[in-house]
PDB file of all heavy atoms in Angstrom:
ATOM      1  N   LEU A   1      45.856 105.847  72.647  1.00  0.00           N
ATOM      2  CA  LEU A   1      47.144 105.657  71.953  1.00  0.00           C
ATOM      3  C   LEU A   1      47.208 104.224  71.424  1.00  0.00           C
ATOM      4  O   LEU A   1      47.308 103.256  72.180  1.00  0.00           O
ATOM      5  CB  LEU A   1      48.290 105.936  72.921  1.00  0.00           C
ATOM      6  CG  LEU A   1      49.691 105.957  72.348  1.00  0.00           C
ATOM      7  CD1 LEU A   1      49.810 107.015  71.255  1.00  0.00           C
ATOM      8  CD2 LEU A   1      50.731 106.211  73.436  1.00  0.00           C
ATOM      9  N   GLU A   2      47.146 104.111  70.084  1.00  0.00           N
ATOM     10  CA  GLU A   2      47.126 102.813  69.444  1.00  0.00           C
ATOM     11  C   GLU A   2      48.534 102.306  69.167  1.00  0.00           C
ATOM     12  O   GLU A   2      49.454 103.077  68.842  1.00  0.00           O
ATOM     13  CB  GLU A   2      46.364 102.888  68.117  1.00  0.00           C
ATOM     14  CG  GLU A   2      44.873 103.076  68.255  1.00  0.00           C
ATOM     15  CD  GLU A   2      44.158 101.780  68.491  1.00  0.00           C
ATOM     16  OE1 GLU A   2      44.794 100.711  68.307  1.00  0.00           O
ATOM     17  OE2 GLU A   2      42.982 101.805  68.867  1.00  0.00           O
ATOM     18  N   ASP A   3      48.751 100.982  69.288  1.00  0.00           N
ATOM     19  CA  ASP A   3      50.003 100.311  68.939  1.00  0.00           C
ATOM     20  C   ASP A   3      51.181 100.857  69.699  1.00  0.00           C
ATOM     21  O   ASP A   3      52.173 101.304  69.144  1.00  0.00           O
ATOM     22  CB  ASP A   3      50.254 100.418  67.420  1.00  0.00           C
ATOM     23  CG  ASP A   3      49.206  99.635  66.612  1.00  0.00           C
ATOM     24  OD1 ASP A   3      48.712  98.617  67.139  1.00  0.00           O
ATOM     25  OD2 ASP A   3      48.929 100.023  65.478  1.00  0.00           O
ATOM     26  N   LEU A   4      51.085 100.817  71.019  1.00  0.00           N
ATOM     27  CA  LEU A   4      52.130 101.342  71.871  1.00  0.00           C
ATOM     28  C   LEU A   4      53.447 100.632  71.668  1.00  0.00           C
ATOM     29  O   LEU A   4      54.510 101.170  71.933  1.00  0.00           O
ATOM     30  CB  LEU A   4      51.693 101.215  73.348  1.00  0.00           C
ATOM     31  CG  LEU A   4      52.581 101.887  74.395  1.00  0.00           C
ATOM     32  CD1 LEU A   4      52.581 103.383  74.239  1.00  0.00           C
ATOM     33  CD2 LEU A   4      52.144 101.489  75.809  1.00  0.00           C
ATOM     34  N   HIS A   5      53.427  99.395  71.146  1.00  0.00           N
ATOM     35  CA  HIS A   5      54.683  98.651  70.917  1.00  0.00           C
ATOM     36  C   HIS A   5      55.552  99.296  69.852  1.00  0.00           C
ATOM     37  O   HIS A   5      56.724  98.933  69.723  1.00  0.00           O
ATOM     38  CB  HIS A   5      54.356  97.202  70.530  1.00  0.00           C
ATOM     39  CG  HIS A   5      53.332  97.064  69.458  1.00  0.00           C
ATOM     40  ND1 HIS A   5      51.965  97.065  69.764  1.00  0.00           N
ATOM     41  CD2 HIS A   5      53.424  96.949  68.123  1.00  0.00           C
ATOM     42  CE1 HIS A   5      51.301  96.928  68.623  1.00  0.00           C
ATOM     43  NE2 HIS A   5      52.156  96.864  67.619  1.00  0.00           N
ATOM     44  N   TRP A   6      55.021 100.254  69.096  1.00  0.00           N
ATOM     45  CA  TRP A   6      55.820 100.995  68.105  1.00  0.00           C
ATOM     46  C   TRP A   6      56.103 102.419  68.564  1.00  0.00           C
ATOM     47  O   TRP A   6      56.482 103.275  67.762  1.00  0.00           O
ATOM     48  CB  TRP A   6      55.083 101.026  66.762  1.00  0.00           C
ATOM     49  CG  TRP A   6      55.155  99.716  66.027  1.00  0.00           C
ATOM     50  CD1 TRP A   6      56.145  98.784  66.074  1.00  0.00           C
ATOM     51  CD2 TRP A   6      54.183  99.193  65.142  1.00  0.00           C
ATOM     52  NE1 TRP A   6      55.859  97.704  65.293  1.00  0.00           N
ATOM     53  CE2 TRP A   6      54.635  97.933  64.686  1.00  0.00           C
ATOM     54  CE3 TRP A   6      52.932  99.668  64.665  1.00  0.00           C
ATOM     55  CZ2 TRP A   6      53.917  97.144  63.788  1.00  0.00           C
ATOM     56  CZ3 TRP A   6      52.242  98.865  63.763  1.00  0.00           C
ATOM     57  CH2 TRP A   6      52.728  97.609  63.342  1.00  0.00           C
ATOM     58  N   CYS A   7      55.946 102.691  69.850  1.00  0.00           N
ATOM     59  CA  CYS A   7      56.084 104.036  70.347  1.00  0.00           C
ATOM     60  C   CYS A   7      57.550 104.504  70.353  1.00  0.00           C
ATOM     61  O   CYS A   7      58.459 103.671  70.578  1.00  0.00           O
ATOM     62  CB  CYS A   7      55.490 104.107  71.773  1.00  0.00           C
ATOM     63  SG  CYS A   7      55.206 105.745  72.372  1.00  0.00           S
ATOM     64  N   ASP A   8      57.781 105.777  70.211  1.00  0.00           N
ATOM     65  CA  ASP A   8      59.107 106.333  70.258  1.00  0.00           C
ATOM     66  C   ASP A   8      59.515 106.642  71.705  1.00  0.00           C
ATOM     67  O   ASP A   8      58.650 106.710  72.595  1.00  0.00           O
ATOM     68  CB  ASP A   8      59.211 107.615  69.417  1.00  0.00           C
ATOM     69  CG  ASP A   8      58.279 108.698  69.944  1.00  0.00           C
ATOM     70  OD1 ASP A   8      57.059 108.675  69.603  1.00  0.00           O
ATOM     71  OD2 ASP A   8      58.754 109.554  70.690  1.00  0.00           O
ATOM     72  N   GLN A   9      60.790 106.811  71.915  1.00  0.00           N
ATOM     73  CA  GLN A   9      61.319 107.036  73.277  1.00  0.00           C
ATOM     74  C   GLN A   9      60.729 108.282  73.909  1.00  0.00           C
ATOM     75  O   GLN A   9      60.364 108.287  75.117  1.00  0.00           O
ATOM     76  CB  GLN A   9      62.822 107.148  73.216  1.00  0.00           C
ATOM     77  CG  GLN A   9      63.497 107.548  74.535  1.00  0.00           C
ATOM     78  CD  GLN A   9      63.449 106.418  75.549  1.00  0.00           C
ATOM     79  OE1 GLN A   9      64.082 105.385  75.335  1.00  0.00           O
ATOM     80  NE2 GLN A   9      62.750 106.611  76.652  1.00  0.00           N
ATOM     81  N   ALA A  10      60.631 109.369  73.168  1.00  0.00           N
ATOM     82  CA  ALA A  10      60.139 110.629  73.741  1.00  0.00           C
ATOM     83  C   ALA A  10      58.680 110.505  74.223  1.00  0.00           C
ATOM     84  O   ALA A  10      58.327 110.996  75.274  1.00  0.00           O
ATOM     85  CB  ALA A  10      60.257 111.734  72.734  1.00  0.00           C
ATOM     86  N   THR A  11      57.866 109.840  73.448  1.00  0.00           N
ATOM     87  CA  THR A  11      56.450 109.665  73.842  1.00  0.00           C
ATOM     88  C   THR A  11      56.330 108.784  75.084  1.00  0.00           C
ATOM     89  O   THR A  11      55.551 109.043  75.995  1.00  0.00           O
ATOM     90  CB  THR A  11      55.645 109.043  72.689  1.00  0.00           C
ATOM     91  OG1 THR A  11      55.654 109.924  71.566  1.00  0.00           O
ATOM     92  CG2 THR A  11      54.198 108.795  73.095  1.00  0.00           C
ATOM     93  N   LEU A  12      57.183 107.727  75.150  1.00  0.00           N
ATOM     94  CA  LEU A  12      57.210 106.891  76.349  1.00  0.00           C
ATOM     95  C   LEU A  12      57.641 107.671  77.587  1.00  0.00           C
ATOM     96  O   LEU A  12      57.107 107.488  78.661  1.00  0.00           O
ATOM     97  CB  LEU A  12      58.149 105.693  76.152  1.00  0.00           C
ATOM     98  CG  LEU A  12      57.658 104.590  75.205  1.00  0.00           C
ATOM     99  CD1 LEU A  12      58.745 103.540  75.013  1.00  0.00           C
ATOM    100  CD2 LEU A  12      56.383 103.965  75.726  1.00  0.00           C
ATOM    101  N   ASP A  13      58.625 108.601  77.399  1.00  0.00           N
ATOM    102  CA  ASP A  13      59.039 109.443  78.500  1.00  0.00           C
ATOM    103  C   ASP A  13      57.887 110.312  79.011  1.00  0.00           C
ATOM    104  O   ASP A  13      57.739 110.465  80.216  1.00  0.00           O
ATOM    105  CB  ASP A  13      60.180 110.344  78.033  1.00  0.00           C
ATOM    106  CG  ASP A  13      61.498 109.576  77.873  1.00  0.00           C
ATOM    107  OD1 ASP A  13      61.590 108.443  78.392  1.00  0.00           O
ATOM    108  OD2 ASP A  13      62.420 110.081  77.197  1.00  0.00           O
ATOM    109  N   TRP A  14      57.089 110.843  78.068  1.00  0.00           N
ATOM    110  CA  TRP A  14      55.967 111.683  78.500  1.00  0.00           C
ATOM    111  C   TRP A  14      54.930 110.844  79.234  1.00  0.00           C
ATOM    112  O   TRP A  14      54.383 111.280  80.248  1.00  0.00           O
ATOM    113  CB  TRP A  14      55.306 112.383  77.315  1.00  0.00           C
ATOM    114  CG  TRP A  14      54.171 113.266  77.773  1.00  0.00           C
ATOM    115  CD1 TRP A  14      54.285 114.483  78.365  1.00  0.00           C
ATOM    116  CD2 TRP A  14      52.786 112.933  77.745  1.00  0.00           C
ATOM    117  NE1 TRP A  14      53.038 114.953  78.697  1.00  0.00           N
ATOM    118  CE2 TRP A  14      52.106 114.028  78.330  1.00  0.00           C
ATOM    119  CE3 TRP A  14      52.076 111.835  77.294  1.00  0.00           C
ATOM    120  CZ2 TRP A  14      50.728 114.050  78.468  1.00  0.00           C
ATOM    121  CZ3 TRP A  14      50.689 111.837  77.425  1.00  0.00           C
ATOM    122  CH2 TRP A  14      50.031 112.948  78.010  1.00  0.00           C
ATOM    123  N   LEU A  15      54.625 109.635  78.729  1.00  0.00           N
ATOM    124  CA  LEU A  15      53.646 108.774  79.386  1.00  0.00           C
ATOM    125  C   LEU A  15      54.117 108.464  80.804  1.00  0.00           C
ATOM    126  O   LEU A  15      53.298 108.460  81.749  1.00  0.00           O
ATOM    127  CB  LEU A  15      53.455 107.484  78.597  1.00  0.00           C
ATOM    128  CG  LEU A  15      52.731 107.624  77.262  1.00  0.00           C
ATOM    129  CD1 LEU A  15      52.781 106.298  76.509  1.00  0.00           C
ATOM    130  CD2 LEU A  15      51.296 108.063  77.469  1.00  0.00           C
ATOM    131  N   SER A  16      55.397 108.159  80.961  1.00  0.00           N
ATOM    132  CA  SER A  16      55.922 107.888  82.285  1.00  0.00           C
ATOM    133  C   SER A  16      55.799 109.097  83.197  1.00  0.00           C
ATOM    134  O   SER A  16      55.439 109.002  84.369  1.00  0.00           O
ATOM    135  CB  SER A  16      57.385 107.432  82.193  1.00  0.00           C
ATOM    136  OG  SER A  16      57.919 107.154  83.462  1.00  0.00           O
ATOM    137  N   PHE A  17      56.075 110.287  82.634  1.00  0.00           N
ATOM    138  CA  PHE A  17      56.022 111.511  83.418  1.00  0.00           C
ATOM    139  C   PHE A  17      54.599 111.819  83.878  1.00  0.00           C
ATOM    140  O   PHE A  17      54.345 112.129  85.031  1.00  0.00           O
ATOM    141  CB  PHE A  17      56.589 112.655  82.554  1.00  0.00           C
ATOM    142  CG  PHE A  17      56.620 113.982  83.280  1.00  0.00           C
ATOM    143  CD1 PHE A  17      57.620 114.264  84.182  1.00  0.00           C
ATOM    144  CD2 PHE A  17      55.641 114.958  83.014  1.00  0.00           C
ATOM    145  CE1 PHE A  17      57.672 115.501  84.842  1.00  0.00           C
ATOM    146  CE2 PHE A  17      55.683 116.193  83.676  1.00  0.00           C
ATOM    147  CZ  PHE A  17      56.690 116.462  84.590  1.00  0.00           C
ATOM    148  N   VAL A  18      53.640 111.747  82.945  1.00  0.00           N
ATOM    149  CA  VAL A  18      52.269 112.149  83.273  1.00  0.00           C
ATOM    150  C   VAL A  18      51.589 111.145  84.214  1.00  0.00           C
ATOM    151  O   VAL A  18      50.755 111.528  85.044  1.00  0.00           O
ATOM    152  CB  VAL A  18      51.425 112.334  81.973  1.00  0.00           C
ATOM    153  CG1 VAL A  18      51.039 111.002  81.373  1.00  0.00           C
ATOM    154  CG2 VAL A  18      50.204 113.169  82.265  1.00  0.00           C
ATOM    155  N   THR A  19      51.987 109.854  84.134  1.00  0.00           N
ATOM    156  CA  THR A  19      51.364 108.879  85.034  1.00  0.00           C
ATOM    157  C   THR A  19      51.974 108.912  86.435  1.00  0.00           C
ATOM    158  O   THR A  19      51.377 108.398  87.375  1.00  0.00           O
ATOM    159  CB  THR A  19      51.521 107.460  84.471  1.00  0.00           C
ATOM    160  OG1 THR A  19      52.915 107.193  84.164  1.00  0.00           O
ATOM    161  CG2 THR A  19      50.669 107.315  83.230  1.00  0.00           C
ATOM    162  N   ARG A  20      53.164 109.505  86.571  1.00  0.00           N
ATOM    163  CA  ARG A  20      53.763 109.629  87.903  1.00  0.00           C
ATOM    164  C   ARG A  20      53.138 110.704  88.764  1.00  0.00           C
ATOM    165  O   ARG A  20      53.213 110.658  89.983  1.00  0.00           O
ATOM    166  CB  ARG A  20      55.274 109.919  87.755  1.00  0.00           C
ATOM    167  CG  ARG A  20      56.125 108.768  87.334  1.00  0.00           C
ATOM    168  CD  ARG A  20      57.582 109.186  87.205  1.00  0.00           C
ATOM    169  NE  ARG A  20      58.427 108.122  86.738  1.00  0.00           N
ATOM    170  CZ  ARG A  20      58.971 107.216  87.530  1.00  0.00           C
ATOM    171  NH1 ARG A  20      58.771 107.276  88.825  1.00  0.00           N
ATOM    172  NH2 ARG A  20      59.727 106.248  87.039  1.00  0.00           N
ATOM    173  N   ARG A  21      52.557 111.696  88.146  1.00  0.00           N
ATOM    174  CA  ARG A  21      52.036 112.814  88.907  1.00  0.00           C
ATOM    175  C   ARG A  21      50.808 112.428  89.711  1.00  0.00           C
ATOM    176  O   ARG A  21      50.061 111.506  89.324  1.00  0.00           O
ATOM    177  CB  ARG A  21      51.719 113.997  87.951  1.00  0.00           C
ATOM    178  CG  ARG A  21      53.027 114.579  87.368  1.00  0.00           C
ATOM    179  CD  ARG A  21      52.762 115.487  86.222  1.00  0.00           C
ATOM    180  NE  ARG A  21      52.010 116.679  86.543  1.00  0.00           N
ATOM    181  CZ  ARG A  21      52.532 117.825  86.868  1.00  0.00           C
ATOM    182  NH1 ARG A  21      53.848 117.983  86.942  1.00  0.00           N
ATOM    183  NH2 ARG A  21      51.760 118.890  87.110  1.00  0.00           N
ATOM    184  N   ARG A  22      50.578 113.104  90.795  1.00  0.00           N
ATOM    185  CA  ARG A  22      49.539 112.728  91.724  1.00  0.00           C
ATOM    186  C   ARG A  22      48.458 113.795  91.922  1.00  0.00           C
ATOM    187  O   ARG A  22      47.559 113.613  92.749  1.00  0.00           O
ATOM    188  CB  ARG A  22      50.153 112.362  93.100  1.00  0.00           C
ATOM    189  CG  ARG A  22      50.989 111.096  93.052  1.00  0.00           C
ATOM    190  CD  ARG A  22      50.114 109.871  92.778  1.00  0.00           C
ATOM    191  NE  ARG A  22      50.864 108.641  92.650  1.00  0.00           N
ATOM    192  CZ  ARG A  22      51.189 108.109  91.475  1.00  0.00           C
ATOM    193  NH1 ARG A  22      50.809 108.719  90.322  1.00  0.00           N
ATOM    194  NH2 ARG A  22      51.854 106.999  91.394  1.00  0.00           N
ATOM    195  N   SER A  23      48.525 114.877  91.188  1.00  0.00           N
ATOM    196  CA  SER A  23      47.474 115.861  91.277  1.00  0.00           C
ATOM    197  C   SER A  23      46.161 115.293  90.735  1.00  0.00           C
ATOM    198  O   SER A  23      46.180 114.427  89.846  1.00  0.00           O
ATOM    199  CB  SER A  23      47.849 117.132  90.496  1.00  0.00           C
ATOM    200  OG  SER A  23      48.139 116.808  89.153  1.00  0.00           O
ATOM    201  N   ARG A  24      45.046 115.739  91.281  1.00  0.00           N
ATOM    202  CA  ARG A  24      43.769 115.157  90.939  1.00  0.00           C
ATOM    203  C   ARG A  24      43.239 115.782  89.649  1.00  0.00           C
ATOM    204  O   ARG A  24      42.917 116.987  89.590  1.00  0.00           O
ATOM    205  CB  ARG A  24      42.756 115.360  92.053  1.00  0.00           C
ATOM    206  CG  ARG A  24      43.177 114.667  93.368  1.00  0.00           C
ATOM    207  CD  ARG A  24      42.107 114.788  94.443  1.00  0.00           C
ATOM    208  NE  ARG A  24      40.892 114.084  94.066  1.00  0.00           N
ATOM    209  CZ  ARG A  24      40.704 112.777  94.238  1.00  0.00           C
ATOM    210  NH1 ARG A  24      41.669 112.003  94.771  1.00  0.00           N
ATOM    211  NH2 ARG A  24      39.535 112.212  93.902  1.00  0.00           N
ATOM    212  N   VAL A  25      43.195 114.997  88.604  1.00  0.00           N
ATOM    213  CA  VAL A  25      42.674 115.447  87.314  1.00  0.00           C
ATOM    214  C   VAL A  25      41.848 114.290  86.721  1.00  0.00           C
ATOM    215  O   VAL A  25      42.034 113.124  87.063  1.00  0.00           O
ATOM    216  CB  VAL A  25      43.785 115.853  86.326  1.00  0.00           C
ATOM    217  CG1 VAL A  25      44.501 117.106  86.781  1.00  0.00           C
ATOM    218  CG2 VAL A  25      44.791 114.712  86.140  1.00  0.00           C
ATOM    219  N   ARG A  26      40.952 114.670  85.831  1.00  0.00           N
ATOM    220  CA  ARG A  26      40.085 113.684  85.179  1.00  0.00           C
ATOM    221  C   ARG A  26      40.733 113.232  83.868  1.00  0.00           C
ATOM    222  O   ARG A  26      40.370 113.698  82.790  1.00  0.00           O
ATOM    223  CB  ARG A  26      38.723 114.290  84.931  1.00  0.00           C
ATOM    224  CG  ARG A  26      38.012 114.681  86.240  1.00  0.00           C
ATOM    225  CD  ARG A  26      36.671 115.346  85.990  1.00  0.00           C
ATOM    226  NE  ARG A  26      36.036 115.709  87.226  1.00  0.00           N
ATOM    227  CZ  ARG A  26      34.847 116.299  87.299  1.00  0.00           C
ATOM    228  NH1 ARG A  26      34.177 116.618  86.187  1.00  0.00           N
ATOM    229  NH2 ARG A  26      34.333 116.592  88.478  1.00  0.00           N
ATOM    230  N   LEU A  27      41.693 112.345  83.978  1.00  0.00           N
ATOM    231  CA  LEU A  27      42.484 111.891  82.850  1.00  0.00           C
ATOM    232  C   LEU A  27      42.432 110.387  82.736  1.00  0.00           C
ATOM    233  O   LEU A  27      42.740 109.655  83.686  1.00  0.00           O
ATOM    234  CB  LEU A  27      43.941 112.373  82.988  1.00  0.00           C
ATOM    235  CG  LEU A  27      44.901 111.940  81.873  1.00  0.00           C
ATOM    236  CD1 LEU A  27      44.493 112.475  80.520  1.00  0.00           C
ATOM    237  CD2 LEU A  27      46.317 112.399  82.213  1.00  0.00           C
TER     238      LEU A  27
END
């Protein structure tokens, strides 16, 4: 994800959501 400083609110919400999860995945 390039230039995160121009990111929209919805995309930031998804990033926060996906990084909070603790299931083991190769991401």
